C-alpha cells in the first residue's frame, strides 16, 4: 500500500506540474493571474485523481465472508470443533 500510495501521489504531482508547464511553455502564458488560475484548476484535477485512485487501489474495501447470516442462531460448539 505504501509504495502504491507514493506512486499515485507522484502521478498527482505530475498532473499539477504538467498543467502549469503546459500553460507556461506550451502556450506561452506569462501573466501571473493566468498561471495561478491554471495552478488552482490543476490542484483540483489532481485532488480528484488522488481521491479516486486511493479509493480504487490503495485503501480498497476487502470483502470478507460472513460467518453466519444475520438473524440466525449461533453455531453449537460441537459444530465448531473439527471432527476426528
PDB file of N, CA and C in Angstrom:
ATOM      1  N   UNK A   1       0.813  -1.200   0.000  1.00  0.00           N
ATOM      2  CA  UNK A   1       0.000   0.000   0.000  1.00  0.00           C
ATOM      3  C   UNK A   1       0.855   1.262   0.000  1.00  0.00           C
ATOM      4  N   UNK A   2       1.966   1.231   0.710  1.00  0.00           N
ATOM      5  CA  UNK A   2       2.787   2.435   0.842  1.00  0.00           C
ATOM      6  C   UNK A   2       3.410   2.824  -0.490  1.00  0.00           C
ATOM      7  N   UNK A   3       3.961   1.848  -1.190  1.00  0.00           N
ATOM      8  CA  UNK A   3       4.584   2.138  -2.491  1.00  0.00           C
ATOM      9  C   UNK A   3       3.545   2.659  -3.466  1.00  0.00           C
ATOM     10  N   UNK A   4       2.398   2.025  -3.486  1.00  0.00           N
ATOM     11  CA  UNK A   4       1.319   2.461  -4.372  1.00  0.00           C
ATOM     12  C   UNK A   4       0.830   3.862  -4.006  1.00  0.00           C
ATOM     13  N   UNK A   5       0.752   4.156  -2.718  1.00  0.00           N
ATOM     14  CA  UNK A   5       0.348   5.481  -2.261  1.00  0.00           C
ATOM     15  C   UNK A   5       1.309   6.546  -2.786  1.00  0.00           C
ATOM     16  N   UNK A   6       2.613   6.321  -2.624  1.00  0.00           N
ATOM     17  CA  UNK A   6       3.595   7.310  -3.077  1.00  0.00           C
ATOM     18  C   UNK A   6       3.631   7.416  -4.598  1.00  0.00           C
ATOM     19  N   UNK A   7       3.446   6.302  -5.296  1.00  0.00           N
ATOM     20  CA  UNK A   7       3.413   6.343  -6.753  1.00  0.00           C
ATOM     21  C   UNK A   7       2.241   7.194  -7.246  1.00  0.00           C
ATOM     22  N   UNK A   8       1.064   6.956  -6.704  1.00  0.00           N
ATOM     23  CA  UNK A   8      -0.118   7.706  -7.131  1.00  0.00           C
ATOM     24  C   UNK A   8      -0.024   9.169  -6.709  1.00  0.00           C
ATOM     25  N   UNK A   9       0.634   9.435  -5.589  1.00  0.00           N
ATOM     26  CA  UNK A   9       0.857  10.810  -5.188  1.00  0.00           C
ATOM     27  C   UNK A   9       1.785  11.500  -6.182  1.00  0.00           C
ATOM     28  N   UNK A  10       2.778  10.773  -6.687  1.00  0.00           N
ATOM     29  CA  UNK A  10       3.669  11.314  -7.715  1.00  0.00           C
ATOM     30  C   UNK A  10       2.934  11.603  -9.015  1.00  0.00           C
ATOM     31  N   UNK A  11       1.989  10.742  -9.366  1.00  0.00           N
ATOM     32  CA  UNK A  11       1.181  10.992 -10.564  1.00  0.00           C
ATOM     33  C   UNK A  11       0.355  12.262 -10.379  1.00  0.00           C
ATOM     34  N   UNK A  12      -0.200  12.458  -9.192  1.00  0.00           N
ATOM     35  CA  UNK A  12      -0.948  13.684  -8.913  1.00  0.00           C
ATOM     36  C   UNK A  12      -0.059  14.916  -9.010  1.00  0.00           C
ATOM     37  N   UNK A  13       1.166  14.805  -8.516  1.00  0.00           N
ATOM     38  CA  UNK A  13       2.114  15.909  -8.623  1.00  0.00           C
ATOM     39  C   UNK A  13       2.459  16.192 -10.080  1.00  0.00           C
ATOM     40  N   UNK A  14       2.617  15.141 -10.878  1.00  0.00           N
ATOM     41  CA  UNK A  14       2.912  15.313 -12.307  1.00  0.00           C
ATOM     42  C   UNK A  14       1.746  15.983 -13.037  1.00  0.00           C
ATOM     43  N   UNK A  15       0.521  15.684 -12.625  1.00  0.00           N
ATOM     44  CA  UNK A  15      -0.648  16.341 -13.223  1.00  0.00           C
ATOM     45  C   UNK A  15      -0.582  17.844 -12.958  1.00  0.00           C
ATOM     46  N   UNK A  16      -0.291  18.208 -11.705  1.00  0.00           N
ATOM     47  CA  UNK A  16      -0.224  19.627 -11.358  1.00  0.00           C
ATOM     48  C   UNK A  16       0.911  20.337 -12.093  1.00  0.00           C
ATOM     49  N   UNK A  17       2.099  19.792 -11.988  1.00  0.00           N
ATOM     50  CA  UNK A  17       3.261  20.437 -12.606  1.00  0.00           C
ATOM     51  C   UNK A  17       3.144  20.439 -14.126  1.00  0.00           C
ATOM     52  N   UNK A  18       2.605  19.373 -14.693  1.00  0.00           N
ATOM     53  CA  UNK A  18       2.444  19.296 -16.141  1.00  0.00           C
ATOM     54  C   UNK A  18       1.477  20.327 -16.682  1.00  0.00           C
ATOM     55  N   UNK A  19       0.409  20.568 -15.944  1.00  0.00           N
ATOM     56  CA  UNK A  19      -0.575  21.563 -16.400  1.00  0.00           C
ATOM     57  C   UNK A  19       0.017  22.965 -16.386  1.00  0.00           C
ATOM     58  N   UNK A  20       0.750  23.290 -15.343  1.00  0.00           N
ATOM     59  CA  UNK A  20       1.364  24.618 -15.264  1.00  0.00           C
ATOM     60  C   UNK A  20       2.456  24.755 -16.324  1.00  0.00           C
ATOM     61  N   UNK A  21       3.250  23.708 -16.510  1.00  0.00           N
ATOM     62  CA  UNK A  21       4.301  23.750 -17.530  1.00  0.00           C
ATOM     63  C   UNK A  21       3.708  23.873 -18.930  1.00  0.00           C
ATOM     64  N   UNK A  22       2.608  23.186 -19.183  1.00  0.00           N
ATOM     65  CA  UNK A  22       1.944  23.289 -20.485  1.00  0.00           C
ATOM     66  C   UNK A  22       1.432  24.705 -20.725  1.00  0.00           C
ATOM     67  N   UNK A  23       0.861  25.309 -19.687  1.00  0.00           N
ATOM     68  CA  UNK A  23       0.359  26.676 -19.836  1.00  0.00           C
ATOM     69  C   UNK A  23       1.501  27.661 -20.069  1.00  0.00           C
ATOM     70  N   UNK A  24       2.600  27.472 -19.337  1.00  0.00           N
ATOM     71  CA  UNK A  24       3.697  28.422 -19.418  1.00  0.00           C
ATOM     72  C   UNK A  24       4.550  28.232 -20.666  1.00  0.00           C
ATOM     73  N   UNK A  25       4.964  27.000 -20.917  1.00  0.00           N
ATOM     74  CA  UNK A  25       5.882  26.756 -22.026  1.00  0.00           C
ATOM     75  C   UNK A  25       5.173  26.338 -23.311  1.00  0.00           C
ATOM     76  N   UNK A  26       4.062  25.637 -23.186  1.00  0.00           N
ATOM     77  CA  UNK A  26       3.333  25.199 -24.370  1.00  0.00           C
ATOM     78  C   UNK A  26       2.531  26.304 -25.024  1.00  0.00           C
ATOM     79  N   UNK A  27       1.858  27.101 -24.179  1.00  0.00           N
ATOM     80  CA  UNK A  27       1.016  28.175 -24.694  1.00  0.00           C
ATOM     81  C   UNK A  27       1.642  29.556 -24.542  1.00  0.00           C
ATOM     82  N   UNK A  28       2.792  29.631 -23.876  1.00  0.00           N
ATOM     83  CA  UNK A  28       3.499  30.898 -23.739  1.00  0.00           C
ATOM     84  C   UNK A  28       2.844  31.883 -22.785  1.00  0.00           C
ATOM     85  N   UNK A  29       2.065  31.394 -21.829  1.00  0.00           N
ATOM     86  CA  UNK A  29       1.394  32.258 -20.867  1.00  0.00           C
ATOM     87  C   UNK A  29       2.401  32.753 -19.832  1.00  0.00           C
ATOM     88  N   UNK A  30       2.453  34.050 -19.620  1.00  0.00           N
ATOM     89  CA  UNK A  30       3.364  34.603 -18.617  1.00  0.00           C
ATOM     90  C   UNK A  30       2.645  35.435 -17.575  1.00  0.00           C
ATOM     91  N   UNK A  31       1.370  35.691 -17.761  1.00  0.00           N
ATOM     92  CA  UNK A  31       0.623  36.515 -16.816  1.00  0.00           C
ATOM     93  C   UNK A  31       0.437  35.734 -15.511  1.00  0.00           C
ATOM     94  N   UNK A  32       0.787  36.330 -14.367  1.00  0.00           N
ATOM     95  CA  UNK A  32       0.692  35.612 -13.087  1.00  0.00           C
ATOM     96  C   UNK A  32      -0.719  35.142 -12.738  1.00  0.00           C
ATOM     97  N   UNK A  33      -1.734  35.947 -13.061  1.00  0.00           N
ATOM     98  CA  UNK A  33      -3.104  35.536 -12.741  1.00  0.00           C
ATOM     99  C   UNK A  33      -3.475  34.262 -13.503  1.00  0.00           C
ATOM    100  N   UNK A  34      -3.117  34.212 -14.772  1.00  0.00           N
ATOM    101  CA  UNK A  34      -3.443  33.031 -15.586  1.00  0.00           C
ATOM    102  C   UNK A  34      -2.708  31.801 -15.076  1.00  0.00           C
ATOM    103  N   UNK A  35      -1.441  31.951 -14.734  1.00  0.00           N
ATOM    104  CA  UNK A  35      -0.682  30.817 -14.208  1.00  0.00           C
ATOM    105  C   UNK A  35      -1.242  30.342 -12.865  1.00  0.00           C
ATOM    106  N   UNK A  36      -1.646  31.283 -12.021  1.00  0.00           N
ATOM    107  CA  UNK A  36      -2.262  30.894 -10.747  1.00  0.00           C
ATOM    108  C   UNK A  36      -3.603  30.204 -10.959  1.00  0.00           C
ATOM    109  N   UNK A  37      -4.384  30.676 -11.916  1.00  0.00           N
ATOM    110  CA  UNK A  37      -5.653  30.035 -12.222  1.00  0.00           C
ATOM    111  C   UNK A  37      -5.440  28.603 -12.723  1.00  0.00           C
ATOM    112  N   UNK A  38      -4.469  28.435 -13.616  1.00  0.00           N
ATOM    113  CA  UNK A  38      -4.140  27.090 -14.104  1.00  0.00           C
ATOM    114  C   UNK A  38      -3.680  26.212 -12.943  1.00  0.00           C
ATOM    115  N   UNK A  39      -2.897  26.778 -12.039  1.00  0.00           N
ATOM    116  CA  UNK A  39      -2.415  26.013 -10.889  1.00  0.00           C
ATOM    117  C   UNK A  39      -3.569  25.573  -9.988  1.00  0.00           C
ATOM    118  N   UNK A  40      -4.508  26.453  -9.723  1.00  0.00           N
ATOM    119  CA  UNK A  40      -5.657  26.114  -8.873  1.00  0.00           C
ATOM    120  C   UNK A  40      -6.512  25.030  -9.530  1.00  0.00           C
ATOM    121  N   UNK A  41      -6.755  25.155 -10.815  1.00  0.00           N
ATOM    122  CA  UNK A  41      -7.548  24.141 -11.525  1.00  0.00           C
ATOM    123  C   UNK A  41      -6.813  22.801 -11.528  1.00  0.00           C
ATOM    124  N   UNK A  42      -5.495  22.836 -11.746  1.00  0.00           N
ATOM    125  CA  UNK A  42      -4.739  21.581 -11.774  1.00  0.00           C
ATOM    126  C   UNK A  42      -4.681  20.932 -10.393  1.00  0.00           C
ATOM    127  N   UNK A  43      -4.677  21.727  -9.332  1.00  0.00           N
ATOM    128  CA  UNK A  43      -4.747  21.168  -7.981  1.00  0.00           C
ATOM    129  C   UNK A  43      -6.080  20.439  -7.796  1.00  0.00           C
ATOM    130  N   UNK A  44      -7.160  21.025  -8.289  1.00  0.00           N
ATOM    131  CA  UNK A  44      -8.466  20.376  -8.206  1.00  0.00           C
ATOM    132  C   UNK A  44      -8.526  19.076  -8.993  1.00  0.00           C
ATOM    133  N   UNK A  45      -7.970  19.078 -10.193  1.00  0.00           N
ATOM    134  CA  UNK A  45      -7.961  17.859 -11.012  1.00  0.00           C
ATOM    135  C   UNK A  45      -7.117  16.787 -10.347  1.00  0.00           C
ATOM    136  N   UNK A  46      -5.945  17.162  -9.831  1.00  0.00           N
ATOM    137  CA  UNK A  46      -5.083  16.197  -9.150  1.00  0.00           C
ATOM    138  C   UNK A  46      -5.739  15.665  -7.879  1.00  0.00           C
ATOM    139  N   UNK A  47      -6.486  16.515  -7.166  1.00  0.00           N
ATOM    140  CA  UNK A  47      -7.180  16.082  -5.965  1.00  0.00           C
ATOM    141  C   UNK A  47      -8.243  15.035  -6.303  1.00  0.00           C
ATOM    142  N   UNK A  48      -8.981  15.275  -7.362  1.00  0.00           N
ATOM    143  CA  UNK A  48      -9.995  14.304  -7.786  1.00  0.00           C
ATOM    144  C   UNK A  48      -9.332  13.000  -8.208  1.00  0.00           C
ATOM    145  N   UNK A  49      -8.217  13.083  -8.930  1.00  0.00           N
ATOM    146  CA  UNK A  49      -7.490  11.872  -9.311  1.00  0.00           C
ATOM    147  C   UNK A  49      -7.012  11.109  -8.085  1.00  0.00           C
ATOM    148  N   UNK A  50      -6.445  11.813  -7.117  1.00  0.00           N
ATOM    149  CA  UNK A  50      -5.947  11.147  -5.911  1.00  0.00           C
ATOM    150  C   UNK A  50      -7.078  10.490  -5.141  1.00  0.00           C
ATOM    151  N   UNK A  51      -8.182  11.186  -4.974  1.00  0.00           N
ATOM    152  CA  UNK A  51      -9.327  10.618  -4.255  1.00  0.00           C
ATOM    153  C   UNK A  51      -9.801   9.337  -4.933  1.00  0.00           C
ATOM    154  N   UNK A  52      -9.961   9.393  -6.253  1.00  0.00           N
ATOM    155  CA  UNK A  52     -10.437   8.227  -6.990  1.00  0.00           C
ATOM    156  C   UNK A  52      -9.424   7.084  -6.919  1.00  0.00           C
ATOM    157  N   UNK A  53      -8.149   7.398  -7.149  1.00  0.00           N
ATOM    158  CA  UNK A  53      -7.147   6.330  -7.205  1.00  0.00           C
ATOM    159  C   UNK A  53      -6.881   5.717  -5.842  1.00  0.00           C
ATOM    160  N   UNK A  54      -6.904   6.512  -4.781  1.00  0.00           N
ATOM    161  CA  UNK A  54      -6.695   5.942  -3.454  1.00  0.00           C
ATOM    162  C   UNK A  54      -7.826   4.999  -3.091  1.00  0.00           C
ATOM    163  N   UNK A  55      -9.060   5.410  -3.377  1.00  0.00           N
ATOM    164  CA  UNK A  55     -10.193   4.530  -3.069  1.00  0.00           C
ATOM    165  C   UNK A  55     -10.197   3.292  -3.949  1.00  0.00           C
ATOM    166  N   UNK A  56      -9.702   3.427  -5.177  1.00  0.00           N
ATOM    167  CA  UNK A  56      -9.707   2.311  -6.124  1.00  0.00           C
ATOM    168  C   UNK A  56      -8.616   1.292  -5.827  1.00  0.00           C
ATOM    169  N   UNK A  57      -7.397   1.791  -5.513  1.00  0.00           N
ATOM    170  CA  UNK A  57      -6.271   0.864  -5.398  1.00  0.00           C
ATOM    171  C   UNK A  57      -5.602   0.828  -4.038  1.00  0.00           C
ATOM    172  N   UNK A  58      -5.529   1.917  -3.315  1.00  0.00           N
ATOM    173  CA  UNK A  58      -4.753   1.933  -2.074  1.00  0.00           C
ATOM    174  C   UNK A  58      -5.578   1.425  -0.901  1.00  0.00           C
ATOM    175  N   UNK A  59      -6.697   2.063  -0.623  1.00  0.00           N
ATOM    176  CA  UNK A  59      -7.499   1.685   0.531  1.00  0.00           C
ATOM    177  C   UNK A  59      -8.756   0.969   0.084  1.00  0.00           C
ATOM    178  N   UNK A  60      -8.547  -0.174  -0.547  1.00  0.00           N
ATOM    179  CA  UNK A  60      -9.667  -0.975  -1.032  1.00  0.00           C
ATOM    180  C   UNK A  60     -10.417  -1.604   0.129  1.00  0.00           C
ATOM    181  N   UNK A  61     -11.717  -1.719   0.014  1.00  0.00           N
ATOM    182  CA  UNK A  61     -12.527  -2.432   0.992  1.00  0.00           C
ATOM    183  C   UNK A  61     -12.504  -3.898   0.593  1.00  0.00           C
ATOM    184  N   UNK A  62     -11.986  -4.711   1.482  1.00  0.00           N
ATOM    185  CA  UNK A  62     -11.871  -6.141   1.205  1.00  0.00           C
ATOM    186  C   UNK A  62     -13.107  -6.827   1.761  1.00  0.00           C
ATOM    187  N   UNK A  63     -13.794  -7.520   0.885  1.00  0.00           N
ATOM    188  CA  UNK A  63     -14.992  -8.245   1.304  1.00  0.00           C
ATOM    189  C   UNK A  63     -14.566  -9.518   2.028  1.00  0.00           C
ATOM    190  N   UNK A  64     -15.058  -9.697   3.243  1.00  0.00           N
ATOM    191  CA  UNK A  64     -14.782 -10.923   3.984  1.00  0.00           C
ATOM    192  C   UNK A  64     -16.072 -11.714   4.093  1.00  0.00           C
ATOM    193  N   UNK A  65     -15.981 -13.008   3.968  1.00  0.00           N
ATOM    194  CA  UNK A  65     -17.201 -13.809   4.093  1.00  0.00           C
ATOM    195  C   UNK A  65     -17.717 -13.751   5.518  1.00  0.00           C
ATOM    196  N   UNK A  66     -19.027 -13.670   5.633  1.00  0.00           N
ATOM    197  CA  UNK A  66     -19.634 -13.621   6.962  1.00  0.00           C
ATOM    198  C   UNK A  66     -19.695 -15.021   7.530  1.00  0.00           C
ATOM    199  N   UNK A  67     -19.595 -15.117   8.839  1.00  0.00           N
ATOM    200  CA  UNK A  67     -19.626 -16.437   9.475  1.00  0.00           C
ATOM    201  C   UNK A  67     -21.041 -16.990   9.522  1.00  0.00           C
ATOM    202  N   UNK A  68     -22.002 -16.125   9.664  1.00  0.00           N
ATOM    203  CA  UNK A  68     -23.394 -16.571   9.698  1.00  0.00           C
ATOM    204  C   UNK A  68     -24.253 -15.451   9.140  1.00  0.00           C
ATOM    205  N   UNK A  69     -25.366 -15.819   8.602  1.00  0.00           N
ATOM    206  CA  UNK A  69     -26.302 -14.841   8.093  1.00  0.00           C
ATOM    207  C   UNK A  69     -26.957 -14.120   9.263  1.00  0.00           C
ATOM    208  N   UNK A  70     -27.287 -12.853   9.107  1.00  0.00           N
ATOM    209  CA  UNK A  70     -27.967 -12.137  10.193  1.00  0.00           C
ATOM    210  C   UNK A  70     -29.298 -12.793  10.531  1.00  0.00           C
ATOM    211  N   UNK A  71     -29.585 -12.859  11.808  1.00  0.00           N
ATOM    212  CA  UNK A  71     -30.865 -13.421  12.244  1.00  0.00           C
ATOM    213  C   UNK A  71     -30.815 -14.911  12.496  1.00  0.00           C
ATOM    214  N   UNK A  72     -29.687 -15.560  12.300  1.00  0.00           N
ATOM    215  CA  UNK A  72     -29.594 -16.997  12.565  1.00  0.00           C
ATOM    216  C   UNK A  72     -28.972 -17.212  13.929  1.00  0.00           C
ATOM    217  N   UNK A  73     -29.217 -18.363  14.502  1.00  0.00           N
ATOM    218  CA  UNK A  73     -28.679 -18.699  15.819  1.00  0.00           C
ATOM    219  C   UNK A  73     -27.192 -18.993  15.702  1.00  0.00           C
ATOM    220  N   UNK A  74     -26.434 -18.712  16.757  1.00  0.00           N
ATOM    221  CA  UNK A  74     -25.005 -19.034  16.697  1.00  0.00           C
ATOM    222  C   UNK A  74     -24.785 -20.537  16.604  1.00  0.00           C
ATOM    223  N   UNK A  75     -23.644 -20.913  16.063  1.00  0.00           N
ATOM    224  CA  UNK A  75     -23.338 -22.333  15.876  1.00  0.00           C
ATOM    225  C   UNK A  75     -23.071 -22.992  17.227  1.00  0.00           C
ATOM    226  N   UNK A  76     -23.408 -24.256  17.313  1.00  0.00           N
ATOM    227  CA  UNK A  76     -23.149 -25.037  18.523  1.00  0.00           C
ATOM    228  C   UNK A  76     -21.641 -25.303  18.613  1.00  0.00           C
ATOM    229  N   UNK A  77     -21.102 -25.428  19.834  1.00  0.00           N
ATOM    230  CA  UNK A  77     -19.661 -25.694  19.965  1.00  0.00           C
ATOM    231  C   UNK A  77     -19.220 -26.963  19.251  1.00  0.00           C
ATOM    232  N   UNK A  78     -20.088 -27.963  19.182  1.00  0.00           N
ATOM    233  CA  UNK A  78     -19.710 -29.198  18.505  1.00  0.00           C
ATOM    234  C   UNK A  78     -19.549 -28.976  16.999  1.00  0.00           C
ATOM    235  N   UNK A  79     -20.235 -27.990  16.454  1.00  0.00           N
ATOM    236  CA  UNK A  79     -20.113 -27.691  15.034  1.00  0.00           C
ATOM    237  C   UNK A  79     -18.832 -26.925  14.726  1.00  0.00           C
ATOM    238  N   UNK A  80     -18.244 -26.289  15.735  1.00  0.00           N
ATOM    239  CA  UNK A  80     -17.052 -25.501  15.515  1.00  0.00           C
ATOM    240  C   UNK A  80     -15.765 -26.315  15.622  1.00  0.00           C
ATOM    241  N   UNK A  81     -15.800 -27.412  16.340  1.00  0.00           N
ATOM    242  CA  UNK A  81     -14.594 -28.222  16.517  1.00  0.00           C
ATOM    243  C   UNK A  81     -14.468 -29.201  15.353  1.00  0.00           C
ATOM    244  N   UNK A  82     -13.236 -29.453  14.897  1.00  0.00           N
ATOM    245  CA  UNK A  82     -13.066 -30.387  13.776  1.00  0.00           C
ATOM    246  C   UNK A  82     -13.373 -31.813  14.229  1.00  0.00           C
ATOM    247  N   UNK A  83     -13.956 -32.595  13.361  1.00  0.00           N
ATOM    248  CA  UNK A  83     -14.261 -33.992  13.656  1.00  0.00           C
ATOM    249  C   UNK A  83     -13.018 -34.837  13.428  1.00  0.00           C
ATOM    250  N   UNK A  84     -12.865 -35.894  14.245  1.00  0.00           N
ATOM    251  CA  UNK A  84     -11.682 -36.763  14.116  1.00  0.00           C
ATOM    252  C   UNK A  84     -12.047 -38.095  13.577  1.00  0.00           C
TER     253      UNK A  84
END
